[in-house]
Amino acid sequence: MTKTPDTYYAQVEESLAPIALALREAVQLAGPALTEKLAWGFPCYVGKERVFSIAAQTSWVNLQLWYGAALAHRFDRIEGTGKSLRHVKVHALSEVDDELAEIIRAAIALDASDPQRVA
């Protein structure tokens, strides 16, 4: 079977699938021009450069922000210590909310205005 974002989402643990799909929808709604592809085994969303990945973990889903370090000072929900890559842990469907939509929009705007190539 060819691996695609659709096959990734189809294989996400049943309890986490609604969260992963809600994140996918939120990213696609905010960034309809982003390209969705599979990279490193996870759905990745690309504008001028990589912007997001969605990665199901054991008991939550990470919205990985490739420009997360540049946004972390604005949003307390952004975690991690990477040079560029940070993440938001989403444990429940209710956490795909207005604040997360604002984080998504900010990441897309940063990619549009100051794309950063992430190795």
Protein backbone atom coordinates (compact mmCIF):
# COMPACT_ATOMS: atom_id res chain seq x y z
CA MET A 1 0.00 0.00 0.00
CA THR A 2 1.32 3.44 -0.92
CA LYS A 3 1.79 5.65 2.09
CA THR A 4 -0.09 8.92 1.88
CA PRO A 5 -1.46 11.40 4.41
CA ASP A 6 -4.84 9.63 4.08
CA THR A 7 -3.32 6.24 4.94
CA TYR A 8 -1.50 7.82 7.90
CA TYR A 9 -4.73 9.24 9.32
CA ALA A 10 -6.53 5.93 8.71
CA GLN A 11 -3.96 4.17 10.90
CA VAL A 12 -4.02 6.58 13.85
CA GLU A 13 -5.19 5.01 17.11
CA GLU A 14 -8.99 5.16 17.24
CA SER A 15 -9.07 7.34 20.37
CA LEU A 16 -6.70 9.89 18.80
CA ALA A 17 -8.07 9.89 15.25
CA PRO A 18 -10.70 12.60 15.87
CA ILE A 19 -8.00 14.90 17.28
CA ALA A 20 -5.61 14.24 14.40
CA LEU A 21 -8.35 14.82 11.83
CA ALA A 22 -9.50 18.02 13.58
CA LEU A 23 -5.91 19.31 13.46
CA ARG A 24 -5.72 18.43 9.78
CA GLU A 25 -8.96 20.31 9.13
CA ALA A 26 -7.80 23.34 11.14
CA VAL A 27 -4.53 23.52 9.19
CA GLN A 28 -6.27 23.09 5.84
CA LEU A 29 -8.92 25.68 6.72
CA ALA A 30 -6.34 28.28 7.75
CA GLY A 31 -3.90 27.43 4.97
CA PRO A 32 -5.72 26.16 1.89
CA ALA A 33 -2.66 26.90 -0.26
CA LEU A 34 -0.40 24.67 1.85
CA THR A 35 0.68 21.41 0.25
CA GLU A 36 0.03 18.25 2.24
CA LYS A 37 2.54 15.41 1.89
CA LEU A 38 4.02 12.61 3.95
CA ALA A 39 7.51 13.32 5.34
CA TRP A 40 9.34 11.27 7.96
CA GLY A 41 6.23 9.12 8.17
CA PHE A 42 3.94 12.00 9.23
CA PRO A 43 1.65 14.39 7.35
CA CYS A 44 3.58 17.57 6.65
CA TYR A 45 2.17 20.90 5.45
CA VAL A 46 4.36 23.10 3.27
CA GLY A 47 4.01 26.70 2.12
CA LYS A 48 7.24 28.38 1.04
CA GLU A 49 8.96 26.00 3.49
CA ARG A 50 7.73 23.40 6.00
CA VAL A 51 5.16 24.85 8.37
CA PHE A 52 3.48 21.95 10.25
CA SER A 53 3.53 18.23 10.85
CA ILE A 54 0.88 16.26 12.68
CA ALA A 55 2.17 13.33 14.71
CA ALA A 56 0.06 11.02 16.85
CA GLN A 57 1.82 9.96 20.05
CA THR A 58 0.75 7.44 22.69
CA SER A 59 -1.94 9.56 24.37
CA TRP A 60 -1.96 12.87 22.49
CA VAL A 61 -1.34 14.36 19.05
CA ASN A 62 1.47 16.83 18.39
CA LEU A 63 0.98 19.76 16.09
CA GLN A 64 4.63 20.27 15.20
CA LEU A 65 5.51 23.84 14.32
CA TRP A 66 8.59 24.15 12.14
CA TYR A 67 8.81 27.86 13.08
CA GLY A 68 7.75 27.19 16.66
CA ALA A 69 10.78 28.78 18.31
CA ALA A 70 9.95 32.09 16.61
CA LEU A 71 6.38 31.91 17.96
CA ALA A 72 6.93 30.47 21.44
CA HIS A 73 7.18 33.88 23.13
CA ARG A 74 3.63 34.68 21.92
CA PHE A 75 1.88 31.46 22.92
CA ASP A 76 2.25 29.56 26.19
CA ARG A 77 0.93 26.36 24.62
CA ILE A 78 3.99 25.98 22.40
CA GLU A 79 6.43 23.56 24.04
CA GLY A 80 9.90 22.24 23.37
CA THR A 81 13.46 23.41 23.28
CA GLY A 82 14.43 22.81 19.65
CA LYS A 83 16.36 25.43 17.72
CA SER A 84 13.39 25.87 15.36
CA LEU A 85 10.93 22.99 15.76
CA ARG A 86 8.48 23.18 18.65
CA HIS A 87 5.07 21.58 19.21
CA VAL A 88 1.65 21.88 20.79
CA LYS A 89 0.39 18.76 22.56
CA VAL A 90 -3.31 18.21 21.93
CA HIS A 91 -4.89 15.74 24.39
CA ALA A 92 -8.56 16.36 23.63
CA LEU A 93 -10.74 17.48 20.75
CA SER A 94 -11.76 20.53 22.81
CA GLU A 95 -8.14 21.75 22.65
CA VAL A 96 -8.50 22.34 18.90
CA ASP A 97 -9.84 25.78 19.75
CA ASP A 98 -9.60 29.46 18.84
CA GLU A 99 -6.17 29.86 20.46
CA LEU A 100 -4.80 26.93 18.46
CA ALA A 101 -6.31 28.43 15.30
CA GLU A 102 -4.44 31.65 16.12
CA ILE A 103 -1.17 29.71 16.50
CA ILE A 104 -1.80 28.05 13.13
CA ARG A 105 -2.50 31.38 11.43
CA ALA A 106 0.62 32.93 12.99
CA ALA A 107 2.80 30.08 11.71
CA ILE A 108 1.36 30.41 8.21
CA ALA A 109 1.88 34.19 8.27
CA LEU A 110 5.49 33.74 9.37
CA ASP A 111 6.10 31.31 6.51
CA ALA A 112 4.61 33.79 4.04
CA SER A 113 6.60 36.78 5.30
CA ASP A 114 9.87 35.25 6.51
CA PRO A 115 10.27 31.66 5.31
CA GLN A 116 12.98 29.81 7.17
CA ARG A 117 14.58 26.73 5.73
CA VAL A 118 14.64 24.09 8.42
CA ALA A 119 17.12 21.27 8.00
